């Protein structure tokens, strides 16, 4: 089974939920890092992270994460892993417009 290390970067996430990672059919993935940065100079951001499973069920992964202006939060780190089957994904939303940048590190297994 080939494994490929990947990184996904999504910028300007705000009040509209955004699918920040979608696993394609025939591939599984292990998320090894998820970092969220508040790019606002003045506004506190409160962020929700959702997992979408292969049958499109949406569940909370992390809720109401407060991120001060100019700061970041590591949501998946320190040896934690999130396994996603094919066609699953991650969704992100924030209570402030266009202020969250996300960086996701993961391993694809096909």
PDB file of N, CA and C in Angstrom:
ATOM      1  N   UNK A   1       0.841  -1.180   0.000  1.00  0.00           N
ATOM      2  CA  UNK A   1       0.000   0.000   0.000  1.00  0.00           C
ATOM      3  C   UNK A   1       0.887   1.245   0.000  1.00  0.00           C
ATOM      4  N   UNK A   2       0.815   2.049  -1.063  1.00  0.00           N
ATOM      5  CA  UNK A   2       1.604   3.281  -1.090  1.00  0.00           C
ATOM      6  C   UNK A   2       1.076   4.299  -0.088  1.00  0.00           C
ATOM      7  N   UNK A   3       1.995   5.025   0.529  1.00  0.00           N
ATOM      8  CA  UNK A   3       1.625   6.116   1.425  1.00  0.00           C
ATOM      9  C   UNK A   3       2.268   7.391   0.903  1.00  0.00           C
ATOM     10  N   UNK A   4       1.512   8.483   0.974  1.00  0.00           N
ATOM     11  CA  UNK A   4       1.984   9.772   0.489  1.00  0.00           C
ATOM     12  C   UNK A   4       1.734  10.802   1.583  1.00  0.00           C
ATOM     13  N   UNK A   5       2.780  11.524   1.973  1.00  0.00           N
ATOM     14  CA  UNK A   5       2.646  12.587   2.961  1.00  0.00           C
ATOM     15  C   UNK A   5       2.192  13.850   2.245  1.00  0.00           C
ATOM     16  N   UNK A   6       1.155  14.500   2.793  1.00  0.00           N
ATOM     17  CA  UNK A   6       0.584  15.671   2.140  1.00  0.00           C
ATOM     18  C   UNK A   6       0.316  16.784   3.146  1.00  0.00           C
ATOM     19  N   UNK A   7       0.121  17.977   2.605  1.00  0.00           N
ATOM     20  CA  UNK A   7      -0.235  19.148   3.393  1.00  0.00           C
ATOM     21  C   UNK A   7      -1.294  19.917   2.622  1.00  0.00           C
ATOM     22  N   UNK A   8      -2.315  20.367   3.308  1.00  0.00           N
ATOM     23  CA  UNK A   8      -3.385  21.167   2.697  1.00  0.00           C
ATOM     24  C   UNK A   8      -3.446  22.492   3.442  1.00  0.00           C
ATOM     25  N   UNK A   9      -3.537  23.599   2.706  1.00  0.00           N
ATOM     26  CA  UNK A   9      -3.636  24.922   3.311  1.00  0.00           C
ATOM     27  C   UNK A   9      -4.906  25.595   2.796  1.00  0.00           C
ATOM     28  N   UNK A  10      -5.713  26.106   3.721  1.00  0.00           N
ATOM     29  CA  UNK A  10      -6.946  26.811   3.383  1.00  0.00           C
ATOM     30  C   UNK A  10      -6.912  28.149   4.105  1.00  0.00           C
ATOM     31  N   UNK A  11      -7.188  29.232   3.394  1.00  0.00           N
ATOM     32  CA  UNK A  11      -7.122  30.563   3.996  1.00  0.00           C
ATOM     33  C   UNK A  11      -8.480  31.252   3.972  1.00  0.00           C
ATOM     34  N   UNK A  12      -8.653  32.206   4.871  1.00  0.00           N
ATOM     35  CA  UNK A  12      -9.826  33.063   4.876  1.00  0.00           C
ATOM     36  C   UNK A  12     -11.139  32.415   5.255  1.00  0.00           C
ATOM     37  N   UNK A  13     -11.099  31.400   6.108  1.00  0.00           N
ATOM     38  CA  UNK A  13     -12.338  30.746   6.545  1.00  0.00           C
ATOM     39  C   UNK A  13     -13.080  31.680   7.499  1.00  0.00           C
ATOM     40  N   UNK A  14     -14.399  31.736   7.356  1.00  0.00           N
ATOM     41  CA  UNK A  14     -15.201  32.609   8.208  1.00  0.00           C
ATOM     42  C   UNK A  14     -16.503  31.964   8.615  1.00  0.00           C
ATOM     43  N   UNK A  15     -17.579  32.732   8.527  1.00  0.00           N
ATOM     44  CA  UNK A  15     -18.883  32.284   9.020  1.00  0.00           C
ATOM     45  C   UNK A  15     -19.524  31.189   8.176  1.00  0.00           C
ATOM     46  N   UNK A  16     -19.171  31.115   6.904  1.00  0.00           N
ATOM     47  CA  UNK A  16     -19.708  30.068   6.043  1.00  0.00           C
ATOM     48  C   UNK A  16     -18.869  28.808   6.213  1.00  0.00           C
ATOM     49  N   UNK A  17     -19.471  27.671   6.559  1.00  0.00           N
ATOM     50  CA  UNK A  17     -18.695  26.438   6.725  1.00  0.00           C
ATOM     51  C   UNK A  17     -17.952  26.073   5.436  1.00  0.00           C
ATOM     52  N   UNK A  18     -16.685  25.646   5.605  1.00  0.00           N
ATOM     53  CA  UNK A  18     -15.831  25.297   4.477  1.00  0.00           C
ATOM     54  C   UNK A  18     -15.282  23.894   4.689  1.00  0.00           C
ATOM     55  N   UNK A  19     -15.390  23.056   3.657  1.00  0.00           N
ATOM     56  CA  UNK A  19     -14.753  21.739   3.705  1.00  0.00           C
ATOM     57  C   UNK A  19     -13.272  21.934   3.434  1.00  0.00           C
ATOM     58  N   UNK A  20     -12.459  21.800   4.487  1.00  0.00           N
ATOM     59  CA  UNK A  20     -11.034  22.083   4.356  1.00  0.00           C
ATOM     60  C   UNK A  20     -10.233  20.870   3.900  1.00  0.00           C
ATOM     61  N   UNK A  21     -10.837  19.683   3.957  1.00  0.00           N
ATOM     62  CA  UNK A  21     -10.173  18.476   3.467  1.00  0.00           C
ATOM     63  C   UNK A  21     -11.230  17.468   3.062  1.00  0.00           C
ATOM     64  N   UNK A  22     -11.067  16.889   1.884  1.00  0.00           N
ATOM     65  CA  UNK A  22     -11.970  15.855   1.395  1.00  0.00           C
ATOM     66  C   UNK A  22     -11.111  14.705   0.885  1.00  0.00           C
ATOM     67  N   UNK A  23     -11.296  13.520   1.438  1.00  0.00           N
ATOM     68  CA  UNK A  23     -10.540  12.342   1.035  1.00  0.00           C
ATOM     69  C   UNK A  23     -11.228  11.731  -0.194  1.00  0.00           C
ATOM     70  N   UNK A  24     -10.446  11.442  -1.216  1.00  0.00           N
ATOM     71  CA  UNK A  24     -11.023  10.910  -2.450  1.00  0.00           C
ATOM     72  C   UNK A  24     -11.330   9.421  -2.310  1.00  0.00           C
ATOM     73  N   UNK A  25     -12.146   8.917  -3.215  1.00  0.00           N
ATOM     74  CA  UNK A  25     -12.507   7.495  -3.215  1.00  0.00           C
ATOM     75  C   UNK A  25     -11.263   6.642  -3.466  1.00  0.00           C
ATOM     76  N   UNK A  26     -11.196   5.512  -2.785  1.00  0.00           N
ATOM     77  CA  UNK A  26     -10.074   4.585  -2.939  1.00  0.00           C
ATOM     78  C   UNK A  26      -8.863   4.909  -2.089  1.00  0.00           C
ATOM     79  N   UNK A  27      -8.989   5.936  -1.248  1.00  0.00           N
ATOM     80  CA  UNK A  27      -7.865   6.389  -0.411  1.00  0.00           C
ATOM     81  C   UNK A  27      -8.353   6.547   1.022  1.00  0.00           C
ATOM     82  N   UNK A  28      -7.506   6.204   1.978  1.00  0.00           N
ATOM     83  CA  UNK A  28      -7.748   6.508   3.394  1.00  0.00           C
ATOM     84  C   UNK A  28      -6.702   7.523   3.813  1.00  0.00           C
ATOM     85  N   UNK A  29      -6.951   8.237   4.901  1.00  0.00           N
ATOM     86  CA  UNK A  29      -5.990   9.242   5.352  1.00  0.00           C
ATOM     87  C   UNK A  29      -5.882   9.251   6.871  1.00  0.00           C
ATOM     88  N   UNK A  30      -4.699   9.580   7.330  1.00  0.00           N
ATOM     89  CA  UNK A  30      -4.452   9.798   8.749  1.00  0.00           C
ATOM     90  C   UNK A  30      -4.006  11.240   8.916  1.00  0.00           C
ATOM     91  N   UNK A  31      -4.808  12.016   9.633  1.00  0.00           N
ATOM     92  CA  UNK A  31      -4.459  13.407   9.916  1.00  0.00           C
ATOM     93  C   UNK A  31      -3.472  13.398  11.075  1.00  0.00           C
ATOM     94  N   UNK A  32      -2.309  14.014  10.885  1.00  0.00           N
ATOM     95  CA  UNK A  32      -1.294  14.039  11.932  1.00  0.00           C
ATOM     96  C   UNK A  32      -1.084  15.443  12.502  1.00  0.00           C
ATOM     97  N   UNK A  33      -1.694  16.447  11.872  1.00  0.00           N
ATOM     98  CA  UNK A  33      -1.585  17.804  12.384  1.00  0.00           C
ATOM     99  C   UNK A  33      -2.656  18.703  11.817  1.00  0.00           C
ATOM    100  N   UNK A  34      -3.244  19.530  12.674  1.00  0.00           N
ATOM    101  CA  UNK A  34      -4.201  20.542  12.245  1.00  0.00           C
ATOM    102  C   UNK A  34      -3.941  21.799  13.060  1.00  0.00           C
ATOM    103  N   UNK A  35      -3.503  22.848  12.373  1.00  0.00           N
ATOM    104  CA  UNK A  35      -3.212  24.118  13.029  1.00  0.00           C
ATOM    105  C   UNK A  35      -4.149  25.184  12.477  1.00  0.00           C
ATOM    106  N   UNK A  36      -4.745  25.977  13.361  1.00  0.00           N
ATOM    107  CA  UNK A  36      -5.650  27.058  12.977  1.00  0.00           C
ATOM    108  C   UNK A  36      -5.056  28.378  13.442  1.00  0.00           C
ATOM    109  N   UNK A  37      -4.960  29.354  12.537  1.00  0.00           N
ATOM    110  CA  UNK A  37      -4.393  30.657  12.873  1.00  0.00           C
ATOM    111  C   UNK A  37      -5.422  31.752  12.660  1.00  0.00           C
ATOM    112  N   UNK A  38      -5.553  32.631  13.652  1.00  0.00           N
ATOM    113  CA  UNK A  38      -6.440  33.787  13.553  1.00  0.00           C
ATOM    114  C   UNK A  38      -5.634  34.925  12.937  1.00  0.00           C
ATOM    115  N   UNK A  39      -5.983  35.326  11.714  1.00  0.00           N
ATOM    116  CA  UNK A  39      -5.240  36.367  11.004  1.00  0.00           C
ATOM    117  C   UNK A  39      -5.724  37.776  11.333  1.00  0.00           C
ATOM    118  N   UNK A  40      -6.765  37.896  12.142  1.00  0.00           N
ATOM    119  CA  UNK A  40      -7.279  39.205  12.525  1.00  0.00           C
ATOM    120  C   UNK A  40      -6.345  39.878  13.525  1.00  0.00           C
ATOM    121  N   UNK A  41      -6.229  41.188  13.404  1.00  0.00           N
ATOM    122  CA  UNK A  41      -5.428  41.947  14.362  1.00  0.00           C
ATOM    123  C   UNK A  41      -6.227  42.349  15.595  1.00  0.00           C
ATOM    124  N   UNK A  42      -7.576  42.261  15.515  1.00  0.00           N
ATOM    125  CA  UNK A  42      -8.400  42.793  16.596  1.00  0.00           C
ATOM    126  C   UNK A  42      -9.480  41.863  17.122  1.00  0.00           C
ATOM    127  N   UNK A  43      -9.946  40.902  16.306  1.00  0.00           N
ATOM    128  CA  UNK A  43     -11.118  40.111  16.671  1.00  0.00           C
ATOM    129  C   UNK A  43     -10.762  38.724  17.202  1.00  0.00           C
ATOM    130  N   UNK A  44     -11.359  38.380  18.342  1.00  0.00           N
ATOM    131  CA  UNK A  44     -11.289  37.007  18.848  1.00  0.00           C
ATOM    132  C   UNK A  44     -12.102  36.140  17.902  1.00  0.00           C
ATOM    133  N   UNK A  45     -11.594  34.957  17.581  1.00  0.00           N
ATOM    134  CA  UNK A  45     -12.314  34.023  16.718  1.00  0.00           C
ATOM    135  C   UNK A  45     -12.697  32.795  17.537  1.00  0.00           C
ATOM    136  N   UNK A  46     -13.912  32.337  17.344  1.00  0.00           N
ATOM    137  CA  UNK A  46     -14.367  31.107  17.974  1.00  0.00           C
ATOM    138  C   UNK A  46     -14.656  30.125  16.839  1.00  0.00           C
ATOM    139  N   UNK A  47     -13.965  28.976  16.871  1.00  0.00           N
ATOM    140  CA  UNK A  47     -13.932  28.063  15.736  1.00  0.00           C
ATOM    141  C   UNK A  47     -14.552  26.716  16.096  1.00  0.00           C
ATOM    142  N   UNK A  48     -15.248  26.124  15.127  1.00  0.00           N
ATOM    143  CA  UNK A  48     -15.769  24.760  15.238  1.00  0.00           C
ATOM    144  C   UNK A  48     -15.149  23.915  14.135  1.00  0.00           C
ATOM    145  N   UNK A  49     -14.737  22.694  14.495  1.00  0.00           N
ATOM    146  CA  UNK A  49     -14.185  21.739  13.534  1.00  0.00           C
ATOM    147  C   UNK A  49     -15.110  20.523  13.528  1.00  0.00           C
ATOM    148  N   UNK A  50     -15.501  20.097  12.328  1.00  0.00           N
ATOM    149  CA  UNK A  50     -16.403  18.961  12.172  1.00  0.00           C
ATOM    150  C   UNK A  50     -15.729  17.860  11.364  1.00  0.00           C
ATOM    151  N   UNK A  51     -16.097  16.617  11.656  1.00  0.00           N
ATOM    152  CA  UNK A  51     -15.691  15.466  10.860  1.00  0.00           C
ATOM    153  C   UNK A  51     -16.915  15.025  10.067  1.00  0.00           C
ATOM    154  N   UNK A  52     -16.697  14.751   8.785  1.00  0.00           N
ATOM    155  CA  UNK A  52     -17.763  14.244   7.923  1.00  0.00           C
ATOM    156  C   UNK A  52     -17.374  12.826   7.544  1.00  0.00           C
ATOM    157  N   UNK A  53     -18.208  11.841   7.891  1.00  0.00           N
ATOM    158  CA  UNK A  53     -17.835  10.452   7.605  1.00  0.00           C
ATOM    159  C   UNK A  53     -18.214  10.071   6.174  1.00  0.00           C
ATOM    160  N   UNK A  54     -17.920   8.833   5.822  1.00  0.00           N
ATOM    161  CA  UNK A  54     -18.137   8.369   4.447  1.00  0.00           C
ATOM    162  C   UNK A  54     -19.610   8.340   4.036  1.00  0.00           C
ATOM    163  N   UNK A  55     -20.532   8.414   4.987  1.00  0.00           N
ATOM    164  CA  UNK A  55     -21.957   8.460   4.649  1.00  0.00           C
ATOM    165  C   UNK A  55     -22.527   9.874   4.810  1.00  0.00           C
ATOM    166  N   UNK A  56     -21.649  10.880   4.848  1.00  0.00           N
ATOM    167  CA  UNK A  56     -22.007  12.312   4.922  1.00  0.00           C
ATOM    168  C   UNK A  56     -22.604  12.741   6.258  1.00  0.00           C
ATOM    169  N   UNK A  57     -22.432  11.940   7.303  1.00  0.00           N
ATOM    170  CA  UNK A  57     -22.846  12.348   8.641  1.00  0.00           C
ATOM    171  C   UNK A  57     -21.821  13.341   9.187  1.00  0.00           C
ATOM    172  N   UNK A  58     -22.304  14.466   9.701  1.00  0.00           N
ATOM    173  CA  UNK A  58     -21.425  15.511  10.238  1.00  0.00           C
ATOM    174  C   UNK A  58     -21.454  15.440  11.760  1.00  0.00           C
ATOM    175  N   UNK A  59     -20.257  15.397  12.370  1.00  0.00           N
ATOM    176  CA  UNK A  59     -20.151  15.345  13.832  1.00  0.00           C
ATOM    177  C   UNK A  59     -19.131  16.381  14.302  1.00  0.00           C
ATOM    178  N   UNK A  60     -19.339  16.874  15.508  1.00  0.00           N
ATOM    179  CA  UNK A  60     -18.385  17.808  16.094  1.00  0.00           C
ATOM    180  C   UNK A  60     -17.088  17.085  16.429  1.00  0.00           C
ATOM    181  N   UNK A  61     -15.971  17.677  16.045  1.00  0.00           N
ATOM    182  CA  UNK A  61     -14.665  17.156  16.466  1.00  0.00           C
ATOM    183  C   UNK A  61     -14.104  18.044  17.575  1.00  0.00           C
ATOM    184  N   UNK A  62     -14.179  19.363  17.377  1.00  0.00           N
ATOM    185  CA  UNK A  62     -13.768  20.329  18.397  1.00  0.00           C
ATOM    186  C   UNK A  62     -14.712  21.520  18.306  1.00  0.00           C
ATOM    187  N   UNK A  63     -15.249  21.939  19.443  1.00  0.00           N
ATOM    188  CA  UNK A  63     -16.249  23.023  19.452  1.00  0.00           C
ATOM    189  C   UNK A  63     -15.779  24.219  20.258  1.00  0.00           C
ATOM    190  N   UNK A  64     -16.180  25.369  19.738  1.00  0.00           N
ATOM    191  CA  UNK A  64     -15.999  26.636  20.452  1.00  0.00           C
ATOM    192  C   UNK A  64     -14.541  26.859  20.883  1.00  0.00           C
ATOM    193  N   UNK A  65     -13.620  26.670  19.956  1.00  0.00           N
ATOM    194  CA  UNK A  65     -12.197  26.901  20.234  1.00  0.00           C
ATOM    195  C   UNK A  65     -11.943  28.402  20.143  1.00  0.00           C
ATOM    196  N   UNK A  66     -11.588  29.053  21.261  1.00  0.00           N
ATOM    197  CA  UNK A  66     -11.302  30.490  21.193  1.00  0.00           C
ATOM    198  C   UNK A  66      -9.855  30.708  20.730  1.00  0.00           C
ATOM    199  N   UNK A  67      -9.688  31.547  19.707  1.00  0.00           N
ATOM    200  CA  UNK A  67      -8.350  31.861  19.214  1.00  0.00           C
ATOM    201  C   UNK A  67      -8.198  33.382  19.224  1.00  0.00           C
ATOM    202  N   UNK A  68      -7.344  33.913  20.108  1.00  0.00           N
ATOM    203  CA  UNK A  68      -7.153  35.361  20.187  1.00  0.00           C
ATOM    204  C   UNK A  68      -6.569  35.926  18.886  1.00  0.00           C
ATOM    205  N   UNK A  69      -6.728  37.233  18.664  1.00  0.00           N
ATOM    206  CA  UNK A  69      -6.172  37.847  17.464  1.00  0.00           C
ATOM    207  C   UNK A  69      -4.673  37.597  17.356  1.00  0.00           C
ATOM    208  N   UNK A  70      -4.230  37.262  16.149  1.00  0.00           N
ATOM    209  CA  UNK A  70      -2.805  37.041  15.913  1.00  0.00           C
ATOM    210  C   UNK A  70      -2.242  35.782  16.543  1.00  0.00           C
ATOM    211  N   UNK A  71      -3.104  34.873  16.973  1.00  0.00           N
ATOM    212  CA  UNK A  71      -2.656  33.644  17.637  1.00  0.00           C
ATOM    213  C   UNK A  71      -3.088  32.420  16.837  1.00  0.00           C
ATOM    214  N   UNK A  72      -2.654  31.252  17.314  1.00  0.00           N
ATOM    215  CA  UNK A  72      -3.048  30.011  16.652  1.00  0.00           C
ATOM    216  C   UNK A  72      -3.388  28.950  17.683  1.00  0.00           C
ATOM    217  N   UNK A  73      -4.052  27.893  17.201  1.00  0.00           N
ATOM    218  CA  UNK A  73      -4.404  26.759  18.054  1.00  0.00           C
ATOM    219  C   UNK A  73      -4.069  25.481  17.302  1.00  0.00           C
ATOM    220  N   UNK A  74      -3.420  24.571  17.980  1.00  0.00           N
ATOM    221  CA  UNK A  74      -3.135  23.256  17.419  1.00  0.00           C
ATOM    222  C   UNK A  74      -4.250  22.318  17.857  1.00  0.00           C
ATOM    223  N   UNK A  75      -5.042  21.864  16.895  1.00  0.00           N
ATOM    224  CA  UNK A  75      -6.196  21.029  17.199  1.00  0.00           C
ATOM    225  C   UNK A  75      -5.812  19.553  17.202  1.00  0.00           C
ATOM    226  N   UNK A  76      -4.947  19.144  16.301  1.00  0.00           N
ATOM    227  CA  UNK A  76      -4.434  17.769  16.272  1.00  0.00           C
ATOM    228  C   UNK A  76      -2.915  17.875  16.323  1.00  0.00           C
ATOM    229  N   UNK A  77      -2.319  17.331  17.391  1.00  0.00           N
ATOM    230  CA  UNK A  77      -0.876  17.449  17.590  1.00  0.00           C
ATOM    231  C   UNK A  77      -0.402  16.453  18.641  1.00  0.00           C
ATOM    232  N   UNK A  78       0.851  16.461  18.942  1.00  0.00           N
ATOM    233  CA  UNK A  78       1.451  15.660  20.014  1.00  0.00           C
ATOM    234  C   UNK A  78       1.118  14.173  19.946  1.00  0.00           C
ATOM    235  N   UNK A  79       1.221  13.599  18.763  1.00  0.00           N
ATOM    236  CA  UNK A  79       0.995  12.168  18.629  1.00  0.00           C
ATOM    237  C   UNK A  79      -0.446  11.767  18.417  1.00  0.00           C
ATOM    238  N   UNK A  80      -1.380  12.706  18.529  1.00  0.00           N
ATOM    239  CA  UNK A  80      -2.786  12.400  18.261  1.00  0.00           C
ATOM    240  C   UNK A  80      -2.961  12.140  16.773  1.00  0.00           C
ATOM    241  N   UNK A  81      -3.863  11.252  16.415  1.00  0.00           N
ATOM    242  CA  UNK A  81      -4.147  10.927  15.016  1.00  0.00           C
ATOM    243  C   UNK A  81      -5.655  10.890  14.811  1.00  0.00           C
ATOM    244  N   UNK A  82      -6.083  11.309  13.638  1.00  0.00           N
ATOM    245  CA  UNK A  82      -7.478  11.202  13.249  1.00  0.00           C
ATOM    246  C   UNK A  82      -7.514  10.417  11.950  1.00  0.00           C
ATOM    247  N   UNK A  83      -8.159   9.262  11.968  1.00  0.00           N
ATOM    248  CA  UNK A  83      -8.243   8.386  10.806  1.00  0.00           C
ATOM    249  C   UNK A  83      -9.515   8.725  10.032  1.00  0.00           C
ATOM    250  N   UNK A  84      -9.367   8.961   8.726  1.00  0.00           N
ATOM    251  CA  UNK A  84     -10.520   9.248   7.871  1.00  0.00           C
ATOM    252  C   UNK A  84     -10.587   8.220   6.748  1.00  0.00           C
ATOM    253  N   UNK A  85     -11.751   7.577   6.582  1.00  0.00           N
ATOM    254  CA  UNK A  85     -11.924   6.640   5.473  1.00  0.00           C
ATOM    255  C   UNK A  85     -12.139   7.399   4.165  1.00  0.00           C
ATOM    256  N   UNK A  86     -12.193   6.657   3.075  1.00  0.00           N
ATOM    257  CA  UNK A  86     -12.423   7.301   1.782  1.00  0.00           C
ATOM    258  C   UNK A  86     -13.734   8.073   1.791  1.00  0.00           C
ATOM    259  N   UNK A  87     -13.752   9.176   1.097  1.00  0.00           N
ATOM    260  CA  UNK A  87     -14.856  10.134   0.939  1.00  0.00           C
ATOM    261  C   UNK A  87     -15.233  10.871   2.230  1.00  0.00           C
ATOM    262  N   UNK A  88     -14.470  10.721   3.293  1.00  0.00           N
ATOM    263  CA  UNK A  88     -14.701  11.481   4.525  1.00  0.00           C
ATOM    264  C   UNK A  88     -13.967  12.824   4.421  1.00  0.00           C
ATOM    265  N   UNK A  89     -14.141  13.681   5.420  1.00  0.00           N
ATOM    266  CA  UNK A  89     -13.463  14.965   5.361  1.00  0.00           C
ATOM    267  C   UNK A  89     -13.559  15.757   6.643  1.00  0.00           C
ATOM    268  N   UNK A  90     -13.009  16.975   6.583  1.00  0.00           N
ATOM    269  CA  UNK A  90     -13.040  17.926   7.697  1.00  0.00           C
ATOM    270  C   UNK A  90     -13.708  19.209   7.233  1.00  0.00           C
ATOM    271  N   UNK A  91     -14.505  19.799   8.110  1.00  0.00           N
ATOM    272  CA  UNK A  91     -15.195  21.060   7.831  1.00  0.00           C
ATOM    273  C   UNK A  91     -14.857  22.031   8.951  1.00  0.00           C
ATOM    274  N   UNK A  92     -14.791  23.302   8.605  1.00  0.00           N
ATOM    275  CA  UNK A  92     -14.403  24.335   9.553  1.00  0.00           C
ATOM    276  C   UNK A  92     -15.335  25.530   9.404  1.00  0.00           C
ATOM    277  N   UNK A  93     -15.680  26.146  10.555  1.00  0.00           N
ATOM    278  CA  UNK A  93     -16.419  27.405  10.529  1.00  0.00           C
ATOM    279  C   UNK A  93     -15.978  28.263  11.707  1.00  0.00           C
ATOM    280  N   UNK A  94     -16.212  29.555  11.575  1.00  0.00           N
ATOM    281  CA  UNK A  94     -15.760  30.518  12.573  1.00  0.00           C
ATOM    282  C   UNK A  94     -16.860  31.552  12.780  1.00  0.00           C
ATOM    283  N   UNK A  95     -16.862  32.215  13.921  1.00  0.00           N
ATOM    284  CA  UNK A  95     -17.879  33.234  14.179  1.00  0.00           C
ATOM    285  C   UNK A  95     -17.498  34.611  13.640  1.00  0.00           C
ATOM    286  N   UNK A  96     -16.332  34.724  13.021  1.00  0.00           N
ATOM    287  CA  UNK A  96     -15.826  35.988  12.480  1.00  0.00           C
ATOM    288  C   UNK A  96     -15.510  35.801  11.000  1.00  0.00           C
ATOM    289  N   UNK A  97     -15.813  36.780  10.186  1.00  0.00           N
ATOM    290  CA  UNK A  97     -15.590  36.665   8.743  1.00  0.00           C
ATOM    291  C   UNK A  97     -14.105  36.606   8.374  1.00  0.00           C
ATOM    292  N   UNK A  98     -13.779  35.689   7.490  1.00  0.00           N
ATOM    293  CA  UNK A  98     -12.487  35.618   6.791  1.00  0.00           C
ATOM    294  C   UNK A  98     -11.256  35.807   7.683  1.00  0.00           C
ATOM    295  N   UNK A  99     -11.187  35.099   8.801  1.00  0.00           N
ATOM    296  CA  UNK A  99     -10.057  35.346   9.695  1.00  0.00           C
ATOM    297  C   UNK A  99      -9.261  34.103  10.080  1.00  0.00           C
ATOM    298  N   UNK A 100      -9.647  32.921   9.605  1.00  0.00           N
ATOM    299  CA  UNK A 100      -8.951  31.701  10.016  1.00  0.00           C
ATOM    300  C   UNK A 100      -8.231  31.073   8.821  1.00  0.00           C
ATOM    301  N   UNK A 101      -6.941  30.800   9.019  1.00  0.00           N
ATOM    302  CA  UNK A 101      -6.155  30.012   8.069  1.00  0.00           C
ATOM    303  C   UNK A 101      -5.913  28.648   8.708  1.00  0.00           C
ATOM    304  N   UNK A 102      -6.059  27.588   7.907  1.00  0.00           N
ATOM    305  CA  UNK A 102      -5.876  26.225   8.407  1.00  0.00           C
ATOM    306  C   UNK A 102      -4.752  25.543   7.644  1.00  0.00           C
ATOM    307  N   UNK A 103      -3.935  24.811   8.375  1.00  0.00           N
ATOM    308  CA  UNK A 103      -2.876  23.993   7.780  1.00  0.00           C
ATOM    309  C   UNK A 103      -3.052  22.566   8.298  1.00  0.00           C
ATOM    310  N   UNK A 104      -3.198  21.629   7.349  1.00  0.00           N
ATOM    311  CA  UNK A 104      -3.467  20.237   7.700  1.00  0.00           C
ATOM    312  C   UNK A 104      -2.341  19.373   7.155  1.00  0.00           C
ATOM    313  N   UNK A 105      -1.754  18.567   8.013  1.00  0.00           N
ATOM    314  CA  UNK A 105      -0.745  17.587   7.589  1.00  0.00           C
ATOM    315  C   UNK A 105      -1.377  16.200   7.707  1.00  0.00           C
ATOM    316  N   UNK A 106      -1.216  15.393   6.636  1.00  0.00           N
ATOM    317  CA  UNK A 106      -1.837  14.073   6.656  1.00  0.00           C
ATOM    318  C   UNK A 106      -1.086  13.100   5.772  1.00  0.00           C
ATOM    319  N   UNK A 107      -1.392  11.835   5.964  1.00  0.00           N
ATOM    320  CA  UNK A 107      -0.804  10.753   5.185  1.00  0.00           C
ATOM    321  C   UNK A 107      -1.928  10.056   4.437  1.00  0.00           C
ATOM    322  N   UNK A 108      -1.799   9.978   3.112  1.00  0.00           N
ATOM    323  CA  UNK A 108      -2.763   9.227   2.304  1.00  0.00           C
ATOM    324  C   UNK A 108      -2.280   7.798   2.130  1.00  0.00           C
ATOM    325  N   UNK A 109      -3.199   6.857   2.271  1.00  0.00           N
ATOM    326  CA  UNK A 109      -2.887   5.438   2.103  1.00  0.00           C
ATOM    327  C   UNK A 109      -3.825   4.893   1.040  1.00  0.00           C
ATOM    328  N   UNK A 110      -3.249   4.388  -0.038  1.00  0.00           N
ATOM    329  CA  UNK A 110      -4.108   3.861  -1.115  1.00  0.00           C
ATOM    330  C   UNK A 110      -3.790   2.416  -1.403  1.00  0.00           C
TER     331      UNK A 110
END
